[in-house]
N, C-alpha and C. Protein backbone atom coordinates (compact mmCIF):
# COMPACT_ATOMS: atom_id res chain seq x y z
N MET A 1 104.72 151.01 103.61
CA MET A 1 103.78 149.93 103.72
C MET A 1 104.42 148.65 103.32
N LYS A 2 104.42 147.76 104.03
CA LYS A 2 104.93 146.39 103.69
C LYS A 2 104.04 145.57 102.89
N SER A 3 104.32 144.92 101.89
CA SER A 3 103.48 143.92 101.19
C SER A 3 103.91 142.53 101.49
N LEU A 4 103.09 141.71 101.64
CA LEU A 4 103.34 140.38 102.15
C LEU A 4 102.97 139.40 100.93
N VAL A 5 103.89 138.73 100.46
CA VAL A 5 103.76 137.74 99.34
C VAL A 5 103.66 136.47 99.94
N THR A 6 102.54 135.68 99.54
CA THR A 6 102.34 134.11 100.14
C THR A 6 102.41 133.33 98.95
N HIS A 7 102.95 132.18 99.16
CA HIS A 7 102.91 131.04 98.22
C HIS A 7 102.09 129.91 98.70
N TYR A 8 101.23 129.59 98.22
CA TYR A 8 100.22 128.36 98.71
C TYR A 8 100.72 127.05 97.93
N PRO A 9 100.64 126.18 98.50
CA PRO A 9 100.95 124.74 97.93
C PRO A 9 100.49 124.61 96.62
N GLY A 10 100.96 124.10 95.52
CA GLY A 10 100.57 124.01 94.28
C GLY A 10 100.84 125.30 93.46
N HIS A 11 101.65 126.21 94.02
CA HIS A 11 102.05 127.35 93.14
C HIS A 11 103.44 127.19 92.52
N ARG A 12 103.92 126.15 92.65
CA ARG A 12 105.16 125.58 92.08
C ARG A 12 106.19 126.59 92.07
N THR A 13 106.68 126.99 93.36
CA THR A 13 107.86 127.69 93.61
C THR A 13 109.07 126.77 93.37
N MET A 14 110.26 127.26 93.25
CA MET A 14 111.57 126.45 93.08
C MET A 14 111.59 125.63 94.38
N PHE A 15 111.32 126.09 95.47
CA PHE A 15 111.41 125.27 96.88
C PHE A 15 110.40 124.08 96.63
N GLU A 16 109.20 124.27 96.18
CA GLU A 16 108.17 123.16 96.25
C GLU A 16 108.70 122.22 95.33
N GLU A 17 109.05 122.78 94.02
CA GLU A 17 109.57 121.67 92.99
C GLU A 17 110.63 120.89 93.42
N THR A 18 111.53 121.48 94.11
CA THR A 18 112.87 120.70 94.80
C THR A 18 112.17 119.70 95.79
N TYR A 19 111.28 120.14 96.62
CA TYR A 19 110.86 119.17 97.65
C TYR A 19 110.04 118.13 97.18
N LEU A 20 109.03 118.38 95.92
CA LEU A 20 108.46 117.17 95.37
C LEU A 20 109.26 116.28 94.61
N GLU A 21 110.15 116.79 93.93
CA GLU A 21 111.26 115.98 93.36
C GLU A 21 112.04 114.93 94.23
N GLY A 22 112.45 115.59 95.39
CA GLY A 22 113.04 114.92 96.50
C GLY A 22 112.17 113.70 97.06
N GLU A 23 110.83 114.28 97.28
CA GLU A 23 109.90 113.15 97.81
C GLU A 23 109.58 111.99 96.80
N ALA A 24 109.56 112.42 95.54
CA ALA A 24 109.22 111.28 94.57
C ALA A 24 110.54 110.34 94.41
N LYS A 25 111.74 110.89 94.51
CA LYS A 25 112.88 110.18 94.60
C LYS A 25 112.84 108.98 95.68
N GLY A 26 112.59 109.72 96.91
CA GLY A 26 112.41 108.86 98.08
C GLY A 26 111.63 107.65 97.79
N LYS A 27 110.36 107.83 97.32
CA LYS A 27 109.26 106.75 96.99
C LYS A 27 110.04 105.74 96.02
N VAL A 28 110.63 106.44 95.07
CA VAL A 28 111.29 105.22 94.22
C VAL A 28 112.34 104.57 94.71
N GLU A 29 113.20 105.04 95.67
CA GLU A 29 114.36 104.28 96.29
C GLU A 29 113.79 103.37 97.21
N ASP A 30 112.67 103.77 97.95
CA ASP A 30 112.00 102.89 98.83
C ASP A 30 111.36 101.55 98.18
N ARG A 31 110.70 101.92 96.94
CA ARG A 31 110.08 100.76 96.18
C ARG A 31 111.21 99.85 95.79
N ALA A 32 112.13 100.38 95.31
CA ALA A 32 113.30 99.49 94.75
C ALA A 32 113.90 98.52 95.96
N SER A 33 113.99 99.30 96.80
CA SER A 33 114.70 98.54 98.08
C SER A 33 113.55 97.38 98.63
N LEU A 34 112.48 97.65 98.54
CA LEU A 34 111.41 96.77 98.79
C LEU A 34 111.40 95.45 97.82
N VAL A 35 111.40 95.69 96.50
CA VAL A 35 111.62 94.56 95.53
C VAL A 35 112.73 93.76 95.92
N LEU A 36 113.89 94.30 96.06
CA LEU A 36 115.03 93.57 96.35
C LEU A 36 115.04 92.87 97.70
N ARG A 37 114.38 93.55 98.80
CA ARG A 37 114.40 92.71 99.93
C ARG A 37 113.27 91.58 99.88
N LEU A 38 112.22 91.77 99.12
CA LEU A 38 111.30 90.66 98.92
C LEU A 38 112.06 89.50 98.39
N LEU A 39 112.81 89.77 97.31
CA LEU A 39 113.41 88.68 96.61
C LEU A 39 114.39 87.96 97.57
N GLU A 40 115.15 88.78 98.06
CA GLU A 40 116.08 88.14 99.10
C GLU A 40 115.40 87.49 100.17
N LYS A 41 114.30 87.84 100.69
CA LYS A 41 113.63 87.12 101.88
C LYS A 41 112.98 85.87 101.32
N ARG A 42 112.69 85.89 100.16
CA ARG A 42 112.04 84.60 99.51
C ARG A 42 113.13 83.56 98.92
N GLY A 43 114.33 84.13 99.26
CA GLY A 43 115.71 83.09 98.92
C GLY A 43 115.81 83.05 97.46
N ILE A 44 115.40 84.03 96.66
CA ILE A 44 115.61 84.17 95.11
C ILE A 44 117.09 84.98 95.04
N ASP A 45 117.89 84.35 94.34
CA ASP A 45 119.12 84.96 94.01
C ASP A 45 119.08 86.26 93.18
N VAL A 46 119.72 87.32 93.53
CA VAL A 46 119.63 88.53 92.74
C VAL A 46 121.00 88.90 92.19
N PRO A 47 121.17 88.53 90.72
CA PRO A 47 122.44 88.89 90.17
C PRO A 47 122.56 90.40 90.22
N GLU A 48 123.88 90.76 90.00
CA GLU A 48 124.40 92.12 90.02
C GLU A 48 123.65 93.02 88.82
N ASP A 49 123.43 92.49 87.75
CA ASP A 49 122.85 93.10 86.69
C ASP A 49 121.35 93.41 86.92
N VAL A 50 120.57 92.29 87.57
CA VAL A 50 119.20 92.61 87.84
C VAL A 50 119.07 93.59 89.18
N ARG A 51 120.08 93.54 90.06
CA ARG A 51 120.07 94.52 91.13
C ARG A 51 120.35 95.95 90.64
N GLU A 52 121.24 96.12 89.59
CA GLU A 52 121.41 97.46 89.08
C GLU A 52 120.13 97.95 88.22
N ARG A 53 119.46 96.85 87.44
CA ARG A 53 118.35 97.48 86.74
C ARG A 53 117.28 97.79 87.54
N ILE A 54 117.10 97.31 88.82
CA ILE A 54 116.13 97.69 89.90
C ILE A 54 116.41 99.03 90.37
N THR A 55 117.55 99.01 90.96
CA THR A 55 117.98 100.35 91.63
C THR A 55 118.11 101.70 90.63
N SER A 56 118.32 101.29 89.42
CA SER A 56 118.53 102.40 88.53
C SER A 56 117.22 102.80 87.88
N CYS A 57 115.94 102.19 88.11
CA CYS A 57 114.74 102.38 87.54
C CYS A 57 114.13 103.53 88.40
N ASP A 58 113.65 104.82 87.65
CA ASP A 58 113.08 105.98 88.21
C ASP A 58 111.77 106.11 87.96
N ASP A 59 111.05 105.01 87.55
CA ASP A 59 109.62 105.13 87.23
C ASP A 59 108.73 104.07 88.38
N LEU A 60 108.12 104.88 89.13
CA LEU A 60 107.42 104.25 90.17
C LEU A 60 106.46 103.23 89.78
N ASP A 61 105.70 103.42 88.63
CA ASP A 61 104.67 102.49 88.21
C ASP A 61 105.45 101.10 87.94
N THR A 62 106.74 101.20 87.12
CA THR A 62 107.38 100.08 86.72
C THR A 62 107.87 99.33 88.03
N LEU A 63 108.31 99.99 89.08
CA LEU A 63 108.81 99.41 90.35
C LEU A 63 107.46 98.82 90.93
N THR A 64 106.51 99.32 91.01
CA THR A 64 105.18 98.74 91.65
C THR A 64 104.96 97.37 90.89
N LEU A 65 104.98 97.41 89.61
CA LEU A 65 104.68 96.16 88.76
C LEU A 65 105.66 95.09 89.16
N TRP A 66 107.02 95.61 89.09
CA TRP A 66 107.98 94.54 89.57
C TRP A 66 107.93 94.06 91.05
N PHE A 67 107.47 94.92 92.01
CA PHE A 67 107.09 94.49 93.34
C PHE A 67 105.97 93.49 93.21
N ASP A 68 104.85 93.67 92.46
CA ASP A 68 103.90 92.69 92.39
C ASP A 68 104.21 91.45 91.87
N ARG A 69 105.30 91.38 90.80
CA ARG A 69 105.65 90.03 90.16
C ARG A 69 106.63 89.58 91.29
N SER A 70 107.42 90.21 92.20
CA SER A 70 108.34 89.55 93.11
C SER A 70 107.60 88.85 94.10
N LEU A 71 106.25 89.03 94.25
CA LEU A 71 105.50 88.12 95.15
C LEU A 71 105.31 86.58 94.82
N THR A 72 105.35 86.49 93.31
CA THR A 72 105.33 84.95 92.76
C THR A 72 106.45 84.60 92.07
N ALA A 73 107.41 85.57 91.90
CA ALA A 73 108.61 85.18 91.09
C ALA A 73 109.39 83.98 91.51
N THR A 74 109.90 83.10 90.69
CA THR A 74 110.63 82.04 91.17
C THR A 74 112.18 82.37 90.83
N ALA A 75 112.43 83.34 90.04
CA ALA A 75 113.76 83.79 89.86
C ALA A 75 113.57 85.20 89.54
N ALA A 76 114.92 85.82 89.69
CA ALA A 76 114.72 87.47 89.67
C ALA A 76 114.48 87.89 88.18
N GLY A 77 114.82 87.30 87.42
CA GLY A 77 114.47 87.51 85.91
C GLY A 77 113.10 87.55 85.54
N ASP A 78 112.18 86.92 86.42
CA ASP A 78 110.85 86.90 86.15
C ASP A 78 110.10 88.36 86.17
N LEU A 79 110.90 89.16 86.84
CA LEU A 79 110.40 90.63 87.13
C LEU A 79 110.18 91.15 85.64
N PHE A 80 110.92 90.81 84.86
CA PHE A 80 111.03 91.53 83.66
C PHE A 80 110.26 91.01 82.36
N VAL A 81 109.61 89.90 82.67
CA VAL A 81 108.94 89.05 81.71
C VAL A 81 107.59 89.63 81.59
N GLU A 82 107.27 90.08 80.33
CA GLU A 82 105.98 90.66 80.05
C GLU A 82 104.97 89.57 80.07
N SER A 83 103.63 89.82 80.51
CA SER A 83 102.68 88.88 80.27
C SER A 83 101.32 89.61 80.12
N SER A 84 100.27 88.92 79.44
CA SER A 84 99.06 89.54 79.20
C SER A 84 98.24 89.93 80.37
N GLU A 85 98.58 89.51 81.57
CA GLU A 85 97.89 89.91 82.79
C GLU A 85 98.33 91.12 83.27
N ASP A 86 99.48 91.57 82.75
CA ASP A 86 99.85 93.01 83.16
C ASP A 86 99.38 94.11 82.56
N GLU A 87 98.79 93.75 81.22
CA GLU A 87 98.17 94.73 80.47
C GLU A 87 96.83 95.19 81.15
N THR A 88 96.49 96.40 80.97
CA THR A 88 95.09 96.93 81.70
C THR A 88 94.05 96.88 80.59
N ASN A 89 92.88 96.68 80.85
CA ASN A 89 91.87 96.55 79.94
C ASN A 89 91.20 97.92 79.72
N PRO A 90 91.33 98.40 78.34
CA PRO A 90 90.59 99.73 78.25
C PRO A 90 89.30 99.92 78.55
């Protein structure tokens, strides 16, 4: 008699873990690329140190914040300036 073992999504198999890590990494890379592209399309110079900081960031929430800031930034360094508007109200 053969036994059939199935693995449903959410079972956290090694394959699923690897897939999800790759998917998350792809989202991070895409978001970093969008931040850089937006700055460049707006004519904002992106120094190499800023480019490196953006592309090496692996936190999607941080990249989302930087993307939002890039919509109104006047210089690339404006992405990293903390403001009271960025804090969430409890």
